[in-house]
N, C-alpha and C. Protein backbone atom coordinates (compact mmCIF):
# COMPACT_ATOMS: atom_id res chain seq x y z
N MET A 1 0.48 23.89 -3.14
CA MET A 1 1.91 23.99 -3.12
C MET A 1 2.53 22.62 -3.41
N VAL A 2 3.44 22.56 -4.36
CA VAL A 2 4.11 21.33 -4.73
C VAL A 2 5.35 21.18 -3.87
N SER A 3 5.59 19.99 -3.37
CA SER A 3 6.72 19.77 -2.47
C SER A 3 8.01 19.52 -3.26
N PRO A 4 9.15 19.73 -2.61
CA PRO A 4 10.42 19.41 -3.25
C PRO A 4 10.54 17.92 -3.58
N VAL A 5 9.94 17.07 -2.75
CA VAL A 5 9.96 15.63 -3.01
C VAL A 5 9.25 15.34 -4.33
N LEU A 6 8.09 15.94 -4.53
CA LEU A 6 7.35 15.73 -5.77
C LEU A 6 8.11 16.30 -6.96
N ASP A 7 8.68 17.47 -6.79
CA ASP A 7 9.49 18.07 -7.87
C ASP A 7 10.61 17.13 -8.29
N ASP A 8 11.30 16.55 -7.32
CA ASP A 8 12.40 15.63 -7.61
C ASP A 8 11.90 14.38 -8.34
N ILE A 9 10.80 13.82 -7.88
CA ILE A 9 10.24 12.63 -8.52
C ILE A 9 9.85 12.93 -9.96
N LEU A 10 9.18 14.04 -10.18
CA LEU A 10 8.77 14.40 -11.54
C LEU A 10 9.98 14.64 -12.43
N ALA A 11 11.01 15.26 -11.90
CA ALA A 11 12.21 15.50 -12.70
C ALA A 11 12.88 14.19 -13.10
N ARG A 12 12.87 13.21 -12.21
CA ARG A 12 13.52 11.92 -12.50
C ARG A 12 12.68 11.05 -13.43
N GLN A 13 11.36 11.09 -13.31
CA GLN A 13 10.50 10.11 -13.97
C GLN A 13 9.72 10.63 -15.17
N ALA A 14 9.53 11.91 -15.30
CA ALA A 14 8.58 12.44 -16.28
C ALA A 14 8.91 12.07 -17.72
N GLU A 15 10.17 11.90 -18.05
CA GLU A 15 10.55 11.58 -19.43
C GLU A 15 10.60 10.08 -19.71
N ALA A 16 10.43 9.26 -18.70
CA ALA A 16 10.46 7.81 -18.88
C ALA A 16 9.22 7.37 -19.66
N GLU A 17 9.31 6.21 -20.26
CA GLU A 17 8.16 5.66 -20.98
C GLU A 17 7.15 5.13 -19.95
N GLY A 18 5.88 5.51 -20.10
CA GLY A 18 4.85 5.07 -19.16
C GLY A 18 5.13 5.47 -17.74
N PRO A 19 5.32 6.76 -17.47
CA PRO A 19 5.80 7.18 -16.14
C PRO A 19 4.75 7.28 -15.05
N LEU A 20 3.46 7.22 -15.38
CA LEU A 20 2.46 7.54 -14.37
C LEU A 20 2.53 6.64 -13.15
N LEU A 21 2.48 5.33 -13.33
CA LEU A 21 2.49 4.44 -12.16
C LEU A 21 3.80 4.54 -11.37
N PRO A 22 4.97 4.56 -12.01
CA PRO A 22 6.18 4.75 -11.21
C PRO A 22 6.17 6.07 -10.42
N ILE A 23 5.67 7.12 -11.03
CA ILE A 23 5.58 8.40 -10.32
C ILE A 23 4.64 8.28 -9.12
N LEU A 24 3.48 7.68 -9.33
CA LEU A 24 2.52 7.54 -8.24
C LEU A 24 3.10 6.72 -7.09
N HIS A 25 3.79 5.63 -7.41
CA HIS A 25 4.39 4.81 -6.36
C HIS A 25 5.46 5.60 -5.60
N ASP A 26 6.27 6.36 -6.33
CA ASP A 26 7.32 7.16 -5.68
C ASP A 26 6.71 8.26 -4.80
N VAL A 27 5.64 8.88 -5.28
CA VAL A 27 4.99 9.94 -4.49
C VAL A 27 4.35 9.34 -3.24
N GLN A 28 3.67 8.21 -3.38
CA GLN A 28 3.06 7.55 -2.22
C GLN A 28 4.14 7.21 -1.19
N ALA A 29 5.26 6.67 -1.65
CA ALA A 29 6.34 6.30 -0.74
C ALA A 29 7.01 7.54 -0.13
N GLY A 30 7.19 8.57 -0.94
CA GLY A 30 7.91 9.75 -0.47
C GLY A 30 7.10 10.69 0.40
N LEU A 31 5.82 10.82 0.09
CA LEU A 31 4.97 11.76 0.83
C LEU A 31 3.95 11.07 1.74
N GLY A 32 3.77 9.78 1.57
CA GLY A 32 2.80 9.06 2.38
C GLY A 32 1.39 9.09 1.83
N CYS A 33 1.17 9.86 0.76
CA CYS A 33 -0.15 9.94 0.14
C CYS A 33 -0.02 10.65 -1.20
N ILE A 34 -1.10 10.61 -1.95
CA ILE A 34 -1.18 11.38 -3.19
C ILE A 34 -2.41 12.27 -3.06
N ASP A 35 -2.18 13.49 -2.61
CA ASP A 35 -3.29 14.41 -2.38
C ASP A 35 -3.68 15.12 -3.68
N ALA A 36 -4.70 15.94 -3.60
CA ALA A 36 -5.23 16.62 -4.79
C ALA A 36 -4.18 17.53 -5.44
N ASP A 37 -3.37 18.22 -4.65
CA ASP A 37 -2.32 19.07 -5.22
C ASP A 37 -1.30 18.24 -5.98
N SER A 38 -0.94 17.08 -5.44
CA SER A 38 0.01 16.20 -6.12
C SER A 38 -0.59 15.67 -7.41
N GLU A 39 -1.86 15.29 -7.38
CA GLU A 39 -2.53 14.82 -8.60
C GLU A 39 -2.48 15.90 -9.68
N ALA A 40 -2.76 17.13 -9.30
CA ALA A 40 -2.77 18.23 -10.27
C ALA A 40 -1.37 18.46 -10.85
N ALA A 41 -0.34 18.42 -10.01
CA ALA A 41 1.03 18.63 -10.48
C ALA A 41 1.48 17.50 -11.39
N ILE A 42 1.12 16.28 -11.06
CA ILE A 42 1.47 15.13 -11.89
C ILE A 42 0.77 15.23 -13.24
N ALA A 43 -0.51 15.57 -13.22
CA ALA A 43 -1.26 15.72 -14.46
C ALA A 43 -0.63 16.77 -15.36
N GLN A 44 -0.27 17.88 -14.79
CA GLN A 44 0.34 18.96 -15.58
C GLN A 44 1.69 18.51 -16.15
N ALA A 45 2.50 17.85 -15.34
CA ALA A 45 3.83 17.42 -15.79
C ALA A 45 3.75 16.39 -16.91
N LEU A 46 2.71 15.56 -16.90
CA LEU A 46 2.58 14.49 -17.89
C LEU A 46 1.62 14.84 -19.02
N ASN A 47 1.10 16.07 -18.99
CA ASN A 47 0.13 16.50 -20.00
C ASN A 47 -1.09 15.58 -20.03
N LEU A 48 -1.58 15.27 -18.84
CA LEU A 48 -2.80 14.47 -18.68
C LEU A 48 -3.84 15.34 -17.99
N SER A 49 -5.08 14.92 -18.07
CA SER A 49 -6.10 15.62 -17.30
C SER A 49 -6.01 15.16 -15.85
N ARG A 50 -6.46 16.00 -14.97
CA ARG A 50 -6.47 15.61 -13.55
C ARG A 50 -7.39 14.41 -13.35
N ALA A 51 -8.45 14.32 -14.13
CA ALA A 51 -9.37 13.18 -14.03
C ALA A 51 -8.66 11.87 -14.39
N GLU A 52 -7.76 11.92 -15.38
CA GLU A 52 -7.02 10.71 -15.75
C GLU A 52 -6.13 10.25 -14.60
N VAL A 53 -5.44 11.18 -13.99
CA VAL A 53 -4.55 10.85 -12.87
C VAL A 53 -5.39 10.37 -11.69
N HIS A 54 -6.44 11.07 -11.37
CA HIS A 54 -7.29 10.68 -10.24
C HIS A 54 -7.92 9.31 -10.47
N GLY A 55 -8.28 9.02 -11.71
CA GLY A 55 -8.85 7.70 -12.02
C GLY A 55 -7.88 6.57 -11.68
N VAL A 56 -6.62 6.77 -11.97
CA VAL A 56 -5.62 5.75 -11.65
C VAL A 56 -5.39 5.69 -10.14
N VAL A 57 -5.27 6.85 -9.50
CA VAL A 57 -5.06 6.89 -8.05
C VAL A 57 -6.21 6.21 -7.32
N SER A 58 -7.43 6.49 -7.73
CA SER A 58 -8.58 5.94 -7.02
C SER A 58 -8.83 4.46 -7.36
N PHE A 59 -8.27 3.98 -8.47
CA PHE A 59 -8.46 2.58 -8.85
C PHE A 59 -7.62 1.64 -8.00
N TYR A 60 -6.37 2.03 -7.74
CA TYR A 60 -5.44 1.16 -7.02
C TYR A 60 -5.50 1.42 -5.53
N HIS A 61 -5.61 0.36 -4.75
CA HIS A 61 -5.71 0.48 -3.30
C HIS A 61 -4.39 0.84 -2.63
N ASP A 62 -3.29 0.76 -3.37
CA ASP A 62 -1.99 1.13 -2.80
C ASP A 62 -1.86 2.63 -2.59
N PHE A 63 -2.68 3.41 -3.27
CA PHE A 63 -2.58 4.86 -3.21
C PHE A 63 -3.65 5.42 -2.29
N THR A 64 -3.24 6.37 -1.45
CA THR A 64 -4.18 7.00 -0.53
C THR A 64 -4.11 8.51 -0.66
N ALA A 65 -5.21 9.17 -0.38
CA ALA A 65 -5.27 10.62 -0.48
C ALA A 65 -4.84 11.30 0.82
N ILE A 66 -4.83 10.55 1.91
CA ILE A 66 -4.46 11.09 3.22
C ILE A 66 -3.39 10.19 3.82
N ALA A 67 -2.31 10.78 4.29
CA ALA A 67 -1.22 10.01 4.89
C ALA A 67 -1.66 9.37 6.20
N ASP A 68 -1.25 8.13 6.41
CA ASP A 68 -1.51 7.42 7.66
C ASP A 68 -0.15 7.08 8.25
N PRO A 69 0.23 7.72 9.35
CA PRO A 69 1.58 7.52 9.90
C PRO A 69 1.78 6.16 10.58
N ARG A 70 0.70 5.42 10.77
CA ARG A 70 0.82 4.14 11.46
C ARG A 70 1.52 3.10 10.57
N PRO A 71 2.24 2.16 11.18
CA PRO A 71 2.75 1.04 10.39
C PRO A 71 1.58 0.22 9.86
N CYS A 72 1.79 -0.43 8.73
CA CYS A 72 0.71 -1.18 8.09
C CYS A 72 1.10 -2.64 7.91
N VAL A 73 0.23 -3.52 8.34
CA VAL A 73 0.38 -4.95 8.09
C VAL A 73 -0.68 -5.32 7.07
N GLU A 74 -0.23 -5.76 5.91
CA GLU A 74 -1.15 -6.20 4.86
C GLU A 74 -1.35 -7.70 5.02
N LEU A 75 -2.59 -8.09 5.21
CA LEU A 75 -2.95 -9.48 5.46
C LEU A 75 -3.69 -10.03 4.25
N CYS A 76 -3.14 -11.08 3.65
CA CYS A 76 -3.78 -11.67 2.48
C CYS A 76 -5.03 -12.43 2.91
N ARG A 77 -6.13 -12.09 2.23
CA ARG A 77 -7.40 -12.77 2.51
C ARG A 77 -8.00 -13.33 1.23
N ALA A 78 -7.13 -13.64 0.27
CA ALA A 78 -7.58 -14.27 -0.97
C ALA A 78 -7.96 -15.72 -0.70
N GLU A 79 -8.51 -16.36 -1.71
CA GLU A 79 -9.07 -17.70 -1.55
C GLU A 79 -8.08 -18.71 -1.00
N ALA A 80 -6.85 -18.72 -1.50
CA ALA A 80 -5.87 -19.70 -1.03
C ALA A 80 -5.56 -19.50 0.45
N CYS A 81 -5.39 -18.25 0.87
CA CYS A 81 -5.13 -18.00 2.29
C CYS A 81 -6.37 -18.28 3.13
N GLN A 82 -7.54 -18.05 2.57
CA GLN A 82 -8.77 -18.42 3.29
C GLN A 82 -8.82 -19.93 3.50
N ALA A 83 -8.46 -20.68 2.47
CA ALA A 83 -8.47 -22.14 2.59
C ALA A 83 -7.44 -22.62 3.61
N ARG A 84 -6.43 -21.82 3.86
CA ARG A 84 -5.38 -22.19 4.81
C ARG A 84 -5.61 -21.55 6.18
N GLY A 85 -6.79 -20.94 6.40
CA GLY A 85 -7.18 -20.53 7.74
C GLY A 85 -6.98 -19.08 8.14
N VAL A 86 -6.80 -18.18 7.19
CA VAL A 86 -6.52 -16.79 7.55
C VAL A 86 -7.68 -16.15 8.32
N GLU A 87 -8.90 -16.51 7.99
CA GLU A 87 -10.04 -15.84 8.64
C GLU A 87 -10.04 -16.06 10.15
N ALA A 88 -9.52 -17.18 10.61
CA ALA A 88 -9.45 -17.44 12.05
C ALA A 88 -8.42 -16.56 12.75
N LEU A 89 -7.53 -15.92 11.97
CA LEU A 89 -6.46 -15.10 12.54
C LEU A 89 -6.81 -13.62 12.60
N VAL A 90 -7.82 -13.21 11.86
CA VAL A 90 -8.11 -11.78 11.69
C VAL A 90 -8.43 -11.10 13.02
N ARG A 91 -9.27 -11.69 13.80
CA ARG A 91 -9.69 -11.05 15.07
C ARG A 91 -8.50 -10.83 15.99
N ALA A 92 -7.60 -11.81 16.10
CA ALA A 92 -6.43 -11.66 16.96
C ALA A 92 -5.50 -10.56 16.43
N ALA A 93 -5.35 -10.49 15.11
CA ALA A 93 -4.49 -9.45 14.52
C ALA A 93 -5.07 -8.07 14.79
N GLU A 94 -6.37 -7.92 14.61
CA GLU A 94 -7.01 -6.63 14.85
C GLU A 94 -6.92 -6.23 16.32
N ALA A 95 -7.06 -7.20 17.21
CA ALA A 95 -6.96 -6.90 18.64
C ALA A 95 -5.54 -6.47 18.99
N ALA A 96 -4.55 -7.14 18.43
CA ALA A 96 -3.16 -6.78 18.70
C ALA A 96 -2.82 -5.40 18.11
N ALA A 97 -3.43 -5.09 16.97
CA ALA A 97 -3.14 -3.82 16.29
C ALA A 97 -3.72 -2.63 17.04
N GLY A 98 -4.91 -2.79 17.57
CA GLY A 98 -5.59 -1.66 18.20
C GLY A 98 -5.62 -0.49 17.25
N SER A 99 -5.31 0.69 17.74
CA SER A 99 -5.26 1.87 16.88
C SER A 99 -3.83 2.23 16.50
N ARG A 100 -2.85 1.43 16.98
CA ARG A 100 -1.44 1.71 16.73
C ARG A 100 -0.96 1.24 15.37
N VAL A 101 -1.54 0.15 14.85
CA VAL A 101 -1.12 -0.45 13.59
C VAL A 101 -2.33 -0.59 12.68
N SER A 102 -2.14 -0.30 11.41
CA SER A 102 -3.21 -0.48 10.42
C SER A 102 -3.14 -1.90 9.87
N ILE A 103 -4.27 -2.60 9.92
CA ILE A 103 -4.38 -3.92 9.30
C ILE A 103 -5.15 -3.72 8.01
N LYS A 104 -4.51 -4.03 6.90
CA LYS A 104 -5.11 -3.80 5.59
C LYS A 104 -5.30 -5.15 4.90
N THR A 105 -6.48 -5.38 4.40
CA THR A 105 -6.75 -6.59 3.63
C THR A 105 -6.22 -6.42 2.22
N VAL A 106 -5.49 -7.42 1.75
CA VAL A 106 -5.04 -7.47 0.36
C VAL A 106 -5.46 -8.81 -0.21
N TYR A 107 -5.54 -8.88 -1.51
CA TYR A 107 -5.96 -10.11 -2.16
C TYR A 107 -4.84 -10.62 -3.05
N CYS A 108 -4.03 -11.48 -2.47
CA CYS A 108 -2.95 -12.24 -3.07
C CYS A 108 -1.61 -11.51 -3.00
N LEU A 109 -0.76 -12.11 -2.21
CA LEU A 109 0.63 -11.67 -2.10
C LEU A 109 1.55 -12.61 -2.89
N GLY A 110 0.95 -13.58 -3.59
CA GLY A 110 1.73 -14.50 -4.40
C GLY A 110 2.36 -15.64 -3.62
N LEU A 111 1.90 -15.87 -2.42
CA LEU A 111 2.43 -16.95 -1.58
C LEU A 111 1.34 -17.99 -1.31
N CYS A 112 0.59 -18.29 -2.32
CA CYS A 112 -0.61 -19.11 -2.15
C CYS A 112 -0.35 -20.48 -1.53
N SER A 113 0.78 -21.10 -1.85
CA SER A 113 1.05 -22.44 -1.34
C SER A 113 1.57 -22.44 0.09
N VAL A 114 1.91 -21.25 0.62
CA VAL A 114 2.47 -21.19 1.97
C VAL A 114 1.72 -20.19 2.86
N GLY A 115 0.45 -19.98 2.56
CA GLY A 115 -0.35 -19.06 3.34
C GLY A 115 -0.72 -19.65 4.68
N PRO A 116 -1.38 -18.90 5.51
CA PRO A 116 -1.68 -17.49 5.40
C PRO A 116 -0.41 -16.63 5.36
N SER A 117 -0.51 -15.52 4.65
CA SER A 117 0.66 -14.66 4.47
C SER A 117 0.32 -13.21 4.76
N ALA A 118 1.38 -12.44 5.01
CA ALA A 118 1.24 -11.01 5.30
C ALA A 118 2.48 -10.30 4.76
N ARG A 119 2.35 -8.99 4.65
CA ARG A 119 3.48 -8.16 4.22
C ARG A 119 3.54 -6.93 5.10
N ILE A 120 4.76 -6.58 5.48
CA ILE A 120 5.03 -5.32 6.16
C ILE A 120 6.13 -4.66 5.36
N GLY A 121 5.79 -3.52 4.73
CA GLY A 121 6.75 -2.89 3.83
C GLY A 121 7.05 -3.82 2.67
N ASP A 122 8.31 -4.13 2.47
CA ASP A 122 8.71 -5.05 1.40
C ASP A 122 8.93 -6.47 1.90
N ALA A 123 8.77 -6.70 3.18
CA ALA A 123 9.02 -8.02 3.76
C ALA A 123 7.75 -8.87 3.72
N LEU A 124 7.89 -10.10 3.26
CA LEU A 124 6.78 -11.04 3.19
C LEU A 124 6.93 -12.10 4.28
N TYR A 125 5.81 -12.53 4.84
CA TYR A 125 5.79 -13.54 5.89
C TYR A 125 4.76 -14.59 5.51
N ALA A 126 5.13 -15.86 5.67
CA ALA A 126 4.26 -16.95 5.25
C ALA A 126 4.06 -17.95 6.38
N ARG A 127 3.14 -18.87 6.14
CA ARG A 127 2.81 -19.93 7.09
C ARG A 127 2.49 -19.36 8.48
N LEU A 128 1.71 -18.31 8.48
CA LEU A 128 1.40 -17.64 9.75
C LEU A 128 0.34 -18.40 10.53
N ASP A 129 0.56 -18.49 11.81
CA ASP A 129 -0.48 -18.93 12.73
C ASP A 129 -0.81 -17.72 13.61
N GLU A 130 -1.71 -17.89 14.54
CA GLU A 130 -2.14 -16.74 15.35
C GLU A 130 -0.98 -16.11 16.11
N ALA A 131 -0.14 -16.91 16.73
CA ALA A 131 0.97 -16.37 17.52
C ALA A 131 1.96 -15.62 16.63
N ALA A 132 2.27 -16.17 15.47
CA ALA A 132 3.23 -15.51 14.57
C ALA A 132 2.66 -14.20 14.03
N LEU A 133 1.38 -14.18 13.68
CA LEU A 133 0.77 -12.95 13.17
C LEU A 133 0.70 -11.88 14.26
N VAL A 134 0.33 -12.26 15.46
CA VAL A 134 0.28 -11.29 16.56
C VAL A 134 1.68 -10.74 16.83
N ALA A 135 2.70 -11.58 16.76
CA ALA A 135 4.08 -11.13 16.97
C ALA A 135 4.48 -10.12 15.87
N LEU A 136 4.06 -10.39 14.63
CA LEU A 136 4.34 -9.44 13.54
C LEU A 136 3.67 -8.09 13.81
N VAL A 137 2.42 -8.13 14.20
CA VAL A 137 1.69 -6.90 14.48
C VAL A 137 2.32 -6.16 15.65
N ASP A 138 2.68 -6.88 16.68
CA ASP A 138 3.32 -6.25 17.84
C ASP A 138 4.65 -5.61 17.47
N GLY A 139 5.37 -6.22 16.54
CA GLY A 139 6.67 -5.71 16.14
C GLY A 139 6.63 -4.65 15.06
N ALA A 140 5.46 -4.41 14.49
CA ALA A 140 5.34 -3.43 13.40
C ALA A 140 5.47 -2.01 13.91
């Protein structure tokens, strides 16, 4: 069954040039995941094979097949943030998160000179130390 949210997204985006990624981002944001039914509907709307859509969905870590209702803190663990001490913060962040908050590793938030950095939704946080990161997780 296709949802009204997906129908609306497809109606708005299907005729745009290169619509697949914008559609996938909108579906992930609107439904919390891109499940098999959504993949099939997107493929049909764009005249693509389901394998083509699934290949893109499975390639990018931003897309998930199952919705996770927990808030998510994305923690950069790329080389620059590693050099600035992010690995020493991971254990405290995971302990603060428990099962209430998802801690997701990402590789580069583009704040290399001011790391360690994290993102919650669209908000970016830089120059994190253990106390600041734990406060972010607690507030998520």
